[in-house]
Amino acid sequence: MKIKKIIALTALSASMMGFGSSAQAAPVDLALSLVIDVSGSVSTAEYNLQMDGYANAFRNATIQSNMLGGAFGTTAVNVVFFSSNYFTTALDGFMLLNSVADINSFADTLDNFTRPGGGGTSIYNGTNRAIELMLAAIGTGGDLEGTSNLVIDVSGDGTSSTTADTAANVRATDNGITINGLPIGGTSITDYYTNYVITSDGFVQAAADFDDFSAAVTRKLEIETSSTGGGTVPEPGVLALLGIGLAGLGVLRRRKMTQA
């Protein structure tokens, strides 16, 4: 089944590559942008682990139930790839996921999506691109006009400019967008995401390495999609009681933004 583009409130189907010429605002429970690191520090095997992790997470029964359990039973998702800059791909546009078949089709697309490139690491370029695409979609005349539950999900194994990452963070906050992070590595990368990447209302779900990525991204998407109304967002203290630690799958609420 082809993934439905956000072109109307009806059940019209379109290919992922297509764009409606007379789009209308579609009601969705959550607009979610996946911002994925494809810089040179991410090997081909590690890229595949990331994409497999995202794909398997979207196939998870709890996440699917969350996505379909909101007031509209619909989640809009897009993907932004970044290294030293962002890459323009067929996944830039938001896609409506409002059935198990649609979600599984999206998962298959992620599983088989060709890596768009490589380069250095500039998290802010990926974040700013995601913000631009989201603002265009929710603005007047946009496909997601009026949507207020806005989340950017950034994953990566590196750091970049503290000043530029903080500016992107502030920009997201000013526009009512939450940024959550999935740092891959040790404490230093987790601290960086906590201090410079996520917004004050966001959280970090850390993966110790790429082998841990699948479990981390599943837990992260469970939390993010629970905000659609299909579940309850757990408090950080509850997560701590469940034994989810910083080094592995820890969720850390960011208490303040550190300016560069």
Protein backbone atom coordinates (compact mmCIF):
# COMPACT_ATOMS: atom_id res chain seq x y z
CA MET A 1 0.00 0.00 0.00
CA LYS A 2 1.41 3.38 -0.98
CA ILE A 3 2.04 5.95 1.72
CA LYS A 4 -0.58 8.69 1.63
CA LYS A 5 0.61 12.21 1.00
CA ILE A 6 -1.01 15.02 2.89
CA ILE A 7 -3.14 16.35 0.06
CA ALA A 8 -6.69 16.33 1.45
CA LEU A 9 -8.94 15.10 4.18
CA THR A 10 -10.18 12.29 1.95
CA ALA A 11 -8.59 8.87 1.56
CA LEU A 12 -6.86 9.64 -1.71
CA SER A 13 -3.63 7.70 -2.21
CA ALA A 14 -0.48 8.96 -3.89
CA SER A 15 3.06 7.77 -4.32
CA MET A 16 5.72 9.03 -1.94
CA MET A 17 7.27 11.03 -4.76
CA GLY A 18 4.06 12.88 -5.62
CA PHE A 19 2.87 16.26 -4.40
CA GLY A 20 -0.69 17.54 -4.48
CA SER A 21 -1.24 20.76 -6.41
CA SER A 22 -4.16 21.90 -4.27
CA ALA A 23 -3.28 20.67 -0.81
CA GLN A 24 -5.62 21.26 2.10
CA ALA A 25 -4.77 21.21 5.77
CA ALA A 26 -5.05 17.72 7.22
CA PRO A 27 -5.74 17.12 10.92
CA VAL A 28 -2.97 15.13 12.55
CA ASP A 29 -2.16 14.23 16.15
CA LEU A 30 1.60 14.66 15.76
CA ALA A 31 4.01 16.11 13.20
CA LEU A 32 7.31 14.26 13.63
CA SER A 33 10.55 15.02 11.80
CA LEU A 34 13.35 12.45 11.96
CA VAL A 35 16.75 14.16 11.59
CA ILE A 36 19.40 11.52 10.87
CA ASP A 37 23.19 11.81 10.89
CA VAL A 38 24.91 10.46 7.75
CA SER A 39 28.29 12.13 8.33
CA GLY A 40 31.59 10.42 7.57
CA SER A 41 31.90 9.08 11.13
CA VAL A 42 28.86 6.91 10.41
CA SER A 43 30.01 3.85 8.48
CA THR A 44 27.81 2.06 5.96
CA ALA A 45 27.13 -0.67 8.52
CA GLU A 46 26.23 1.95 11.14
CA TYR A 47 23.95 3.78 8.70
CA ASN A 48 22.17 0.48 8.10
CA LEU A 49 21.84 -0.07 11.85
CA GLN A 50 20.24 3.36 12.18
CA MET A 51 17.77 2.82 9.37
CA ASP A 52 16.96 -0.72 10.49
CA GLY A 53 16.43 0.63 14.01
CA TYR A 54 13.96 3.27 12.82
CA ALA A 55 12.19 0.76 10.58
CA ASN A 56 11.81 -1.80 13.35
CA ALA A 57 10.59 0.87 15.75
CA PHE A 58 7.80 1.85 13.38
CA ARG A 59 6.83 -1.82 13.16
CA ASN A 60 6.55 -1.99 16.95
CA ALA A 61 2.98 -2.72 18.06
CA THR A 62 3.01 -0.19 20.92
CA ILE A 63 4.26 2.60 18.68
CA GLN A 64 1.70 1.76 16.00
CA SER A 65 -1.05 1.75 18.61
CA ASN A 66 0.09 5.15 19.89
CA MET A 67 0.19 6.59 16.38
CA LEU A 68 -3.31 5.38 15.56
CA GLY A 69 -4.82 6.04 19.00
CA GLY A 70 -5.07 9.82 18.95
CA ALA A 71 -8.05 12.05 18.18
CA PHE A 72 -7.37 11.90 14.44
CA GLY A 73 -5.59 8.55 14.33
CA THR A 74 -2.92 10.12 12.14
CA THR A 75 0.76 10.97 12.51
CA ALA A 76 2.65 13.00 9.90
CA VAL A 77 6.31 12.05 9.47
CA ASN A 78 9.21 13.24 7.33
CA VAL A 79 12.97 12.57 7.31
CA VAL A 80 15.92 14.96 7.01
CA PHE A 81 19.45 13.63 6.49
CA PHE A 82 22.45 15.76 7.42
CA SER A 83 26.24 15.77 7.49
CA SER A 84 28.10 19.05 6.91
CA ASN A 85 24.87 20.20 5.25
CA TYR A 86 21.42 18.76 4.74
CA PHE A 87 20.41 16.53 1.83
CA THR A 88 17.25 16.99 -0.19
CA THR A 89 15.51 13.64 -0.66
CA ALA A 90 12.12 12.12 -1.47
CA LEU A 91 11.46 11.93 2.28
CA ASP A 92 11.44 15.72 2.83
CA GLY A 93 7.66 15.94 2.47
CA PHE A 94 5.43 14.94 5.37
CA MET A 95 3.58 11.68 4.93
CA LEU A 96 0.30 10.72 6.58
CA LEU A 97 0.47 7.49 8.53
CA ASN A 98 -3.06 6.56 9.54
CA SER A 99 -3.18 2.79 9.21
CA VAL A 100 -1.00 -0.17 10.10
CA ALA A 101 -0.41 -0.74 6.39
CA ASP A 102 0.80 2.84 5.94
CA ILE A 103 3.12 2.63 8.93
CA ASN A 104 4.58 -0.68 7.76
CA SER A 105 5.05 0.73 4.26
CA PHE A 106 6.93 3.69 5.72
CA ALA A 107 9.08 1.29 7.75
CA ASP A 108 9.92 -0.65 4.59
CA THR A 109 10.92 2.60 2.89
CA LEU A 110 13.31 3.46 5.72
CA ASP A 111 14.72 -0.06 5.68
CA ASN A 112 15.64 0.24 2.01
CA PHE A 113 16.48 3.93 1.68
CA THR A 114 19.81 4.59 -0.03
CA ARG A 115 22.25 6.70 1.92
CA PRO A 116 22.17 10.20 0.39
CA GLY A 117 25.81 11.14 1.09
CA GLY A 118 28.41 11.86 3.76
CA GLY A 119 30.69 14.62 5.00
CA GLY A 120 31.33 16.50 8.23
CA THR A 121 28.94 16.98 11.13
CA SER A 122 26.74 20.07 11.38
CA ILE A 123 23.74 19.18 13.49
CA TYR A 124 22.27 22.67 13.13
CA ASN A 125 21.98 22.30 9.35
CA GLY A 126 19.81 19.23 9.79
CA THR A 127 17.81 20.85 12.59
CA ASN A 128 17.26 24.11 10.72
CA ARG A 129 16.16 22.24 7.61
CA ALA A 130 13.65 20.27 9.68
CA ILE A 131 12.36 23.50 11.23
CA GLU A 132 11.94 25.10 7.80
CA LEU A 133 10.03 22.13 6.40
CA MET A 134 7.83 21.95 9.49
CA LEU A 135 7.04 25.67 9.53
CA ALA A 136 6.13 25.53 5.85
CA ALA A 137 3.83 22.58 6.48
CA ILE A 138 2.02 24.10 9.49
CA GLY A 139 1.83 27.65 8.15
CA THR A 140 -1.05 29.28 6.30
CA GLY A 141 -1.82 27.16 3.27
CA GLY A 142 0.54 24.41 4.38
CA ASP A 143 -0.35 20.74 4.36
CA LEU A 144 -0.37 20.63 8.18
CA GLU A 145 -1.83 24.09 8.77
CA GLY A 146 -2.68 24.61 12.42
CA THR A 147 -0.94 21.50 13.76
CA SER A 148 0.51 22.26 17.21
CA ASN A 149 2.09 18.99 18.39
CA LEU A 150 5.48 19.41 16.71
CA VAL A 151 8.51 17.24 17.40
CA ILE A 152 11.96 17.05 15.81
CA ASP A 153 13.89 13.87 16.60
CA VAL A 154 17.67 14.25 16.09
CA SER A 155 20.02 11.24 16.11
CA GLY A 156 23.78 11.27 15.62
CA ASP A 157 27.23 10.35 16.90
CA GLY A 158 28.98 13.72 16.79
CA THR A 159 29.00 17.35 17.90
CA SER A 160 29.21 20.57 15.92
CA SER A 161 29.07 24.32 16.57
CA THR A 162 27.70 25.08 20.03
CA THR A 163 26.68 28.56 18.90
CA ALA A 164 24.85 27.38 15.78
CA ASP A 165 23.24 24.43 17.52
CA THR A 166 22.01 26.68 20.33
CA ALA A 167 20.61 29.15 17.78
CA ALA A 168 18.69 26.33 16.07
CA ASN A 169 17.46 25.22 19.49
CA VAL A 170 16.18 28.72 20.29
CA ARG A 171 14.56 28.99 16.86
CA ALA A 172 12.65 25.77 17.46
CA THR A 173 11.54 26.93 20.91
CA ASP A 174 10.36 30.27 19.54
CA ASN A 175 8.18 28.43 17.04
CA GLY A 176 6.68 25.95 19.49
CA ILE A 177 8.71 22.99 18.25
CA THR A 178 10.17 20.40 20.63
CA ILE A 179 13.57 18.90 19.83
CA ASN A 180 14.47 15.51 21.32
CA GLY A 181 17.84 13.83 20.91
CA LEU A 182 19.26 10.36 20.43
CA PRO A 183 23.03 10.72 20.91
CA ILE A 184 25.07 7.66 19.97
CA GLY A 185 28.19 7.24 22.13
CA GLY A 186 29.35 8.01 25.62
CA THR A 187 28.66 10.64 28.23
CA SER A 188 30.30 13.52 26.34
CA ILE A 189 28.01 13.23 23.32
CA THR A 190 25.00 12.81 25.60
CA ASP A 191 25.99 15.94 27.52
CA TYR A 192 26.40 17.84 24.27
CA TYR A 193 22.91 16.94 23.09
CA THR A 194 21.51 17.80 26.51
CA ASN A 195 23.18 21.22 26.58
CA TYR A 196 22.96 22.36 22.97
CA VAL A 197 20.63 20.25 20.81
CA ILE A 198 17.38 19.53 22.62
CA THR A 199 14.87 22.16 23.71
CA SER A 200 13.97 22.80 27.35
CA ASP A 201 10.84 20.66 26.99
CA GLY A 202 12.73 17.90 25.16
CA PHE A 203 14.54 14.80 26.34
CA VAL A 204 17.58 12.71 25.49
CA GLN A 205 17.40 8.96 24.91
CA ALA A 206 21.01 7.84 24.69
CA ALA A 207 22.45 4.80 22.90
CA ALA A 208 25.82 3.54 24.08
CA ASP A 209 26.74 2.62 20.49
CA PHE A 210 25.12 1.75 17.17
CA ASP A 211 24.35 -1.77 18.38
CA ASP A 212 22.16 -0.19 21.07
CA PHE A 213 20.47 2.14 18.59
CA SER A 214 17.45 -0.04 17.79
CA ALA A 215 16.38 -0.39 21.44
CA ALA A 216 16.99 3.31 22.10
CA VAL A 217 15.02 4.56 19.12
CA THR A 218 12.13 2.22 19.92
CA ARG A 219 11.92 3.60 23.44
CA LYS A 220 12.26 7.15 22.13
CA LEU A 221 9.44 6.77 19.60
CA GLU A 222 7.25 5.13 22.22
CA ILE A 223 7.55 8.30 24.29
CA GLU A 224 7.16 10.70 21.36
CA THR A 225 4.13 8.97 19.89
CA SER A 226 2.48 8.66 23.30
CA SER A 227 1.81 12.41 23.04
CA THR A 228 -0.71 11.70 20.26
CA GLY A 229 -3.19 10.54 22.86
CA GLY A 230 -2.48 6.87 22.32
CA GLY A 231 -0.45 6.60 25.52
CA THR A 232 0.95 8.44 28.52
CA VAL A 233 4.33 10.15 28.48
CA PRO A 234 6.36 8.74 31.39
CA GLU A 235 8.10 11.12 33.74
CA PRO A 236 11.92 10.92 33.89
CA GLY A 237 11.77 9.64 37.46
CA VAL A 238 9.61 6.74 36.37
CA LEU A 239 12.07 5.91 33.63
CA ALA A 240 14.89 5.94 36.16
CA LEU A 241 13.00 3.48 38.29
CA LEU A 242 12.73 1.25 35.27
CA GLY A 243 16.52 1.12 35.17
CA ILE A 244 17.05 3.15 32.03
CA GLY A 245 20.44 4.78 32.61
CA LEU A 246 22.45 7.55 31.00
CA ALA A 247 25.08 5.31 29.46
CA GLY A 248 22.55 3.14 27.67
CA LEU A 249 18.95 4.22 27.22
CA GLY A 250 18.75 7.10 29.69
CA VAL A 251 16.14 9.79 29.31
CA LEU A 252 17.37 13.10 30.63
CA ARG A 253 15.15 16.14 30.93
CA ARG A 254 17.04 19.23 30.01
CA ARG A 255 16.66 21.73 32.81
CA LYS A 256 18.19 24.72 31.08
CA MET A 257 19.83 25.72 27.85
CA THR A 258 23.55 26.48 28.07
CA GLN A 259 24.53 29.38 25.88
CA ALA A 260 27.82 29.08 23.97
